[in-house]
C-alpha atoms as a PDB file:
ATOM      1  CA  UNK A   1      18.534  14.185  -0.790  1.00  0.00           C
ATOM      2  CA  UNK A   2      21.937  14.036   0.382  1.00  0.00           C
ATOM      3  CA  UNK A   3      23.709  14.253   3.668  1.00  0.00           C
ATOM      4  CA  UNK A   4      24.572  17.952   3.643  1.00  0.00           C
ATOM      5  CA  UNK A   5      20.906  18.970   2.449  1.00  0.00           C
ATOM      6  CA  UNK A   6      19.996  16.875   5.558  1.00  0.00           C
ATOM      7  CA  UNK A   7      22.237  18.586   7.826  1.00  0.00           C
ATOM      8  CA  UNK A   8      21.091  21.850   6.687  1.00  0.00           C
ATOM      9  CA  UNK A   9      17.112  21.206   7.136  1.00  0.00           C
ATOM     10  CA  UNK A  10      18.133  19.964  11.119  1.00  0.00           C
ATOM     11  CA  UNK A  11      17.317  23.912  12.399  1.00  0.00           C
ATOM     12  CA  UNK A  12      14.104  23.801  10.876  1.00  0.00           C
ATOM     13  CA  UNK A  13      12.914  20.821  12.146  1.00  0.00           C
ATOM     14  CA  UNK A  14      14.307  21.542  15.697  1.00  0.00           C
ATOM     15  CA  UNK A  15      11.710  24.438  15.432  1.00  0.00           C
ATOM     16  CA  UNK A  16       8.849  22.448  14.342  1.00  0.00           C
ATOM     17  CA  UNK A  17       7.239  20.308  17.449  1.00  0.00           C
ATOM     18  CA  UNK A  18       4.422  19.500  14.846  1.00  0.00           C
ATOM     19  CA  UNK A  19       6.336  17.484  12.150  1.00  0.00           C
ATOM     20  CA  UNK A  20       6.780  14.065  11.549  1.00  0.00           C
ATOM     21  CA  UNK A  21       9.313  12.900   8.839  1.00  0.00           C
ATOM     22  CA  UNK A  22       8.805   9.319   7.019  1.00  0.00           C
ATOM     23  CA  UNK A  23      12.094   8.781   4.842  1.00  0.00           C
ATOM     24  CA  UNK A  24      12.199   5.783   1.773  1.00  0.00           C
ATOM     25  CA  UNK A  25      15.467   4.222   2.001  1.00  0.00           C
ATOM     26  CA  UNK A  26      16.637   2.869  -1.536  1.00  0.00           C
ATOM     27  CA  UNK A  27      16.747   5.966  -4.106  1.00  0.00           C
ATOM     28  CA  UNK A  28      15.982   8.541  -1.672  1.00  0.00           C
ATOM     29  CA  UNK A  29      18.455   8.408   1.690  1.00  0.00           C
ATOM     30  CA  UNK A  30      20.614   5.874  -0.272  1.00  0.00           C
ATOM     31  CA  UNK A  31      21.556   5.553  -4.053  1.00  0.00           C
ATOM     32  CA  UNK A  32      20.098   2.056  -5.603  1.00  0.00           C
ATOM     33  CA  UNK A  33      22.571  -0.062  -5.710  1.00  0.00           C
ATOM     34  CA  UNK A  34      23.474  -2.684  -9.221  1.00  0.00           C
ATOM     35  CA  UNK A  35      22.096  -5.753  -6.288  1.00  0.00           C
ATOM     36  CA  UNK A  36      19.895  -4.875  -3.308  1.00  0.00           C
ATOM     37  CA  UNK A  37      22.302  -6.621  -0.925  1.00  0.00           C
ATOM     38  CA  UNK A  38      25.296  -4.291  -2.355  1.00  0.00           C
ATOM     39  CA  UNK A  39      23.368  -0.998  -0.823  1.00  0.00           C
ATOM     40  CA  UNK A  40      25.284   1.070   1.587  1.00  0.00           C
ATOM     41  CA  UNK A  41      24.742   4.078   3.232  1.00  0.00           C
ATOM     42  CA  UNK A  42      26.923   7.427   2.286  1.00  0.00           C
ATOM     43  CA  UNK A  43      29.261   8.592   5.022  1.00  0.00           C
ATOM     44  CA  UNK A  44      27.723   9.998   7.945  1.00  0.00           C
ATOM     45  CA  UNK A  45      24.054   9.146   7.254  1.00  0.00           C
ATOM     46  CA  UNK A  46      23.089   7.478   9.988  1.00  0.00           C
ATOM     47  CA  UNK A  47      24.796  10.394  11.869  1.00  0.00           C
ATOM     48  CA  UNK A  48      22.434  13.239  10.537  1.00  0.00           C
ATOM     49  CA  UNK A  49      19.117  10.667  11.033  1.00  0.00           C
ATOM     50  CA  UNK A  50      19.877  10.349  14.705  1.00  0.00           C
ATOM     51  CA  UNK A  51      19.977  14.108  14.800  1.00  0.00           C
ATOM     52  CA  UNK A  52      16.989  14.742  12.871  1.00  0.00           C
ATOM     53  CA  UNK A  53      15.307  11.503  15.211  1.00  0.00           C
ATOM     54  CA  UNK A  54      16.627  13.753  18.035  1.00  0.00           C
ATOM     55  CA  UNK A  55      15.524  17.328  16.585  1.00  0.00           C
ATOM     56  CA  UNK A  56      12.049  15.894  15.653  1.00  0.00           C
ATOM     57  CA  UNK A  57      11.277  14.470  19.284  1.00  0.00           C
ATOM     58  CA  UNK A  58      11.520  11.090  17.742  1.00  0.00           C
ATOM     59  CA  UNK A  59       8.648  11.643  15.134  1.00  0.00           C
ATOM     60  CA  UNK A  60      11.171   9.994  12.070  1.00  0.00           C
ATOM     61  CA  UNK A  61      10.579   6.774  11.043  1.00  0.00           C
ATOM     62  CA  UNK A  62      12.171   4.966   7.543  1.00  0.00           C
ATOM     63  CA  UNK A  63       9.757   3.270   5.424  1.00  0.00           C
ATOM     64  CA  UNK A  64      10.973   0.422   3.105  1.00  0.00           C
ATOM     65  CA  UNK A  65      10.452  -2.411   0.901  1.00  0.00           C
ATOM     66  CA  UNK A  66      13.466  -4.033   2.780  1.00  0.00           C
ATOM     67  CA  UNK A  67      13.060  -5.894   5.985  1.00  0.00           C
ATOM     68  CA  UNK A  68      13.371  -3.596   8.676  1.00  0.00           C
ATOM     69  CA  UNK A  69      16.827  -6.274   9.917  1.00  0.00           C
ATOM     70  CA  UNK A  70      18.134  -4.986   6.332  1.00  0.00           C
ATOM     71  CA  UNK A  71      17.384  -1.315   6.923  1.00  0.00           C
ATOM     72  CA  UNK A  72      19.188  -1.667  10.355  1.00  0.00           C
ATOM     73  CA  UNK A  73      22.310  -3.130   8.513  1.00  0.00           C
ATOM     74  CA  UNK A  74      22.112  -0.553   5.930  1.00  0.00           C
ATOM     75  CA  UNK A  75      22.116   2.295   8.856  1.00  0.00           C
ATOM     76  CA  UNK A  76      23.851   0.558  11.583  1.00  0.00           C
ATOM     77  CA  UNK A  77      24.420   1.460  14.670  1.00  0.00           C
ATOM     78  CA  UNK A  78      21.122   3.299  14.351  1.00  0.00           C
ATOM     79  CA  UNK A  79      17.713   1.301  14.531  1.00  0.00           C
ATOM     80  CA  UNK A  80      14.851   3.821  14.070  1.00  0.00           C
ATOM     81  CA  UNK A  81      11.093   3.502  14.017  1.00  0.00           C
ATOM     82  CA  UNK A  82       9.936   2.321  10.665  1.00  0.00           C
ATOM     83  CA  UNK A  83       8.172  -0.062   8.562  1.00  0.00           C
ATOM     84  CA  UNK A  84       9.606  -2.783   6.405  1.00  0.00           C
ATOM     85  CA  UNK A  85       8.393  -4.658   3.564  1.00  0.00           C
ATOM     86  CA  UNK A  86       5.880  -1.904   2.331  1.00  0.00           C
ATOM     87  CA  UNK A  87       3.920  -2.164   5.975  1.00  0.00           C
ATOM     88  CA  UNK A  88       4.241  -6.182   6.579  1.00  0.00           C
ATOM     89  CA  UNK A  89       7.149  -5.181   9.506  1.00  0.00           C
ATOM     90  CA  UNK A  90       6.647  -2.376  11.809  1.00  0.00           C
ATOM     91  CA  UNK A  91       8.888  -0.890  14.839  1.00  0.00           C
ATOM     92  CA  UNK A  92       7.570   1.768  17.365  1.00  0.00           C
ATOM     93  CA  UNK A  93       9.021   4.434  18.641  1.00  0.00           C
ATOM     94  CA  UNK A  94       9.611   2.571  21.992  1.00  0.00           C
ATOM     95  CA  UNK A  95      11.130  -0.409  19.952  1.00  0.00           C
ATOM     96  CA  UNK A  96      10.121  -4.473  19.765  1.00  0.00           C
ATOM     97  CA  UNK A  97       8.771  -5.431  16.310  1.00  0.00           C
ATOM     98  CA  UNK A  98       5.348  -6.160  15.211  1.00  0.00           C
ATOM     99  CA  UNK A  99       5.078  -8.711  12.541  1.00  0.00           C
ATOM    100  CA  UNK A 100       1.936  -8.757  10.143  1.00  0.00           C
ATOM    101  CA  UNK A 101       0.540 -12.110   9.168  1.00  0.00           C
ATOM    102  CA  UNK A 102       2.842 -14.241   6.924  1.00  0.00           C
ATOM    103  CA  UNK A 103       2.345 -14.591   3.237  1.00  0.00           C
ATOM    104  CA  UNK A 104      -0.654 -16.492   1.845  1.00  0.00           C
ATOM    105  CA  UNK A 105      -1.120 -19.198   0.109  1.00  0.00           C
ATOM    106  CA  UNK A 106      -1.631 -17.567  -3.091  1.00  0.00           C
ATOM    107  CA  UNK A 107       1.427 -15.484  -2.286  1.00  0.00           C
ATOM    108  CA  UNK A 108       3.389 -18.412  -2.535  1.00  0.00           C
ATOM    109  CA  UNK A 109       1.646 -19.515  -5.770  1.00  0.00           C
ATOM    110  CA  UNK A 110       2.333 -16.272  -7.398  1.00  0.00           C
ATOM    111  CA  UNK A 111       5.821 -16.218  -6.545  1.00  0.00           C
ATOM    112  CA  UNK A 112       6.467 -19.632  -7.862  1.00  0.00           C
ATOM    113  CA  UNK A 113       4.942 -18.456 -10.998  1.00  0.00           C
ATOM    114  CA  UNK A 114       7.178 -15.216 -11.816  1.00  0.00           C
ATOM    115  CA  UNK A 115      10.414 -16.769 -10.216  1.00  0.00           C
ATOM    116  CA  UNK A 116       9.771 -19.501 -13.408  1.00  0.00           C
ATOM    117  CA  UNK A 117       8.913 -16.626 -16.069  1.00  0.00           C
ATOM    118  CA  UNK A 118      11.638 -14.263 -15.613  1.00  0.00           C
ATOM    119  CA  UNK A 119      13.973 -14.118 -18.225  1.00  0.00           C
ATOM    120  CA  UNK A 120      18.190 -13.990 -17.833  1.00  0.00           C
ATOM    121  CA  UNK A 121      19.060 -10.463 -16.441  1.00  0.00           C
ATOM    122  CA  UNK A 122      16.280 -10.150 -14.150  1.00  0.00           C
ATOM    123  CA  UNK A 123      17.109 -10.587 -10.313  1.00  0.00           C
ATOM    124  CA  UNK A 124      13.927 -11.760  -8.580  1.00  0.00           C
ATOM    125  CA  UNK A 125      14.032 -11.476  -4.565  1.00  0.00           C
ATOM    126  CA  UNK A 126      11.363 -12.973  -2.698  1.00  0.00           C
ATOM    127  CA  UNK A 127      10.959 -11.003   0.336  1.00  0.00           C
ATOM    128  CA  UNK A 128       8.009 -13.371   1.891  1.00  0.00           C
ATOM    129  CA  UNK A 129       5.057 -10.868   1.739  1.00  0.00           C
ATOM    130  CA  UNK A 130       6.538  -9.851  -1.703  1.00  0.00           C
ATOM    131  CA  UNK A 131       8.431 -10.709  -4.532  1.00  0.00           C
ATOM    132  CA  UNK A 132      10.475  -8.092  -6.259  1.00  0.00           C
ATOM    133  CA  UNK A 133      12.022  -8.522 -10.161  1.00  0.00           C
ATOM    134  CA  UNK A 134      14.785  -5.911 -10.207  1.00  0.00           C
ATOM    135  CA  UNK A 135      16.031  -5.240 -13.719  1.00  0.00           C
ATOM    136  CA  UNK A 136      18.671  -2.269 -12.752  1.00  0.00           C
ATOM    137  CA  UNK A 137      21.417  -4.536 -14.061  1.00  0.00           C
ATOM    138  CA  UNK A 138      19.297  -5.092 -17.350  1.00  0.00           C
ATOM    139  CA  UNK A 139      17.277  -1.984 -17.802  1.00  0.00           C
ATOM    140  CA  UNK A 140      16.189  -3.057 -21.222  1.00  0.00           C
ATOM    141  CA  UNK A 141      14.293  -5.510 -19.892  1.00  0.00           C
ATOM    142  CA  UNK A 142      11.548  -3.617 -18.099  1.00  0.00           C
ATOM    143  CA  UNK A 143       8.756  -4.178 -20.697  1.00  0.00           C
ATOM    144  CA  UNK A 144       9.368  -8.101 -20.312  1.00  0.00           C
ATOM    145  CA  UNK A 145       9.398  -8.021 -16.752  1.00  0.00           C
ATOM    146  CA  UNK A 146       6.262  -6.071 -16.324  1.00  0.00           C
ATOM    147  CA  UNK A 147       4.439  -7.777 -18.946  1.00  0.00           C
ATOM    148  CA  UNK A 148       5.491 -11.008 -17.348  1.00  0.00           C
ATOM    149  CA  UNK A 149       4.661  -9.883 -13.921  1.00  0.00           C
ATOM    150  CA  UNK A 150       1.310  -9.426 -14.969  1.00  0.00           C
ATOM    151  CA  UNK A 151       0.890 -12.315 -16.374  1.00  0.00           C
ATOM    152  CA  UNK A 152       1.783 -14.398 -13.488  1.00  0.00           C
ATOM    153  CA  UNK A 153      -0.434 -12.311 -11.034  1.00  0.00           C
ATOM    154  CA  UNK A 154      -3.603 -12.850 -13.181  1.00  0.00           C
ATOM    155  CA  UNK A 155      -4.689 -15.736 -11.931  1.00  0.00           C
ATOM    156  CA  UNK A 156      -4.551 -14.504  -8.204  1.00  0.00           C
ATOM    157  CA  UNK A 157      -5.012 -10.826  -8.861  1.00  0.00           C
ATOM    158  CA  UNK A 158      -7.755 -10.418  -6.058  1.00  0.00           C
ATOM    159  CA  UNK A 159      -4.982 -11.835  -3.546  1.00  0.00           C
ATOM    160  CA  UNK A 160      -2.077  -9.497  -4.788  1.00  0.00           C
ATOM    161  CA  UNK A 161      -1.208  -6.086  -6.924  1.00  0.00           C
ATOM    162  CA  UNK A 162       1.840  -4.835  -8.397  1.00  0.00           C
ATOM    163  CA  UNK A 163       3.820  -1.950  -7.562  1.00  0.00           C
ATOM    164  CA  UNK A 164       6.429  -0.259  -9.927  1.00  0.00           C
ATOM    165  CA  UNK A 165       8.902   1.533  -8.518  1.00  0.00           C
ATOM    166  CA  UNK A 166      12.310   2.520  -9.841  1.00  0.00           C
ATOM    167  CA  UNK A 167      13.981  -0.588 -11.874  1.00  0.00           C
ATOM    168  CA  UNK A 168      11.546  -3.119 -10.237  1.00  0.00           C
ATOM    169  CA  UNK A 169       8.003  -4.665  -9.811  1.00  0.00           C
ATOM    170  CA  UNK A 170       7.008  -5.703  -6.822  1.00  0.00           C
ATOM    171  CA  UNK A 171       4.112  -8.188  -6.330  1.00  0.00           C
ATOM    172  CA  UNK A 172       2.698  -7.656  -3.364  1.00  0.00           C
ATOM    173  CA  UNK A 173       0.129  -8.881  -1.017  1.00  0.00           C
ATOM    174  CA  UNK A 174      -3.016  -6.645  -1.288  1.00  0.00           C
ATOM    175  CA  UNK A 175      -3.700  -4.743   2.067  1.00  0.00           C
ATOM    176  CA  UNK A 176       0.217  -4.198   2.840  1.00  0.00           C
ATOM    177  CA  UNK A 177       1.235  -0.989   2.058  1.00  0.00           C
ATOM    178  CA  UNK A 178       3.983   1.953   3.142  1.00  0.00           C
ATOM    179  CA  UNK A 179       0.757   3.802   4.086  1.00  0.00           C
END
């Protein structure tokens, strides 16, 4: 969804008092960057989201695999309600942040195994509550990454699961999700 498309939707949303909008960040509001830290919002996106937030009477949230701090960095100066690390962090409409429990010991063990087995070209991002293995710079590694992540997870499968996304395999603590 691009900024101009969102702008044309404003009139419809302002008349719909019973709407709520939950938007994903990477690959939806912004393009996928070669590295997560290099992600940027297109010009005007924050202003359009602020207008949507107002038109929906606050019923707009950003849901992301990124931390809420990282979402805030990308959408600066805007700070919307939302969920970070797939639900491990929450920010309510009235502000403040609610953090769920930290990663389990099993998640730490899984992270160590994942990091130790990834091929060159894969970028491993430790998010605390999850481990993301990005292969966007090396798409030919998709099958290798998926296989190695599954092997690393196997001994602790009851503690975590894999979420496959756009050029990423993310091992997440069970019970934490975008829903």
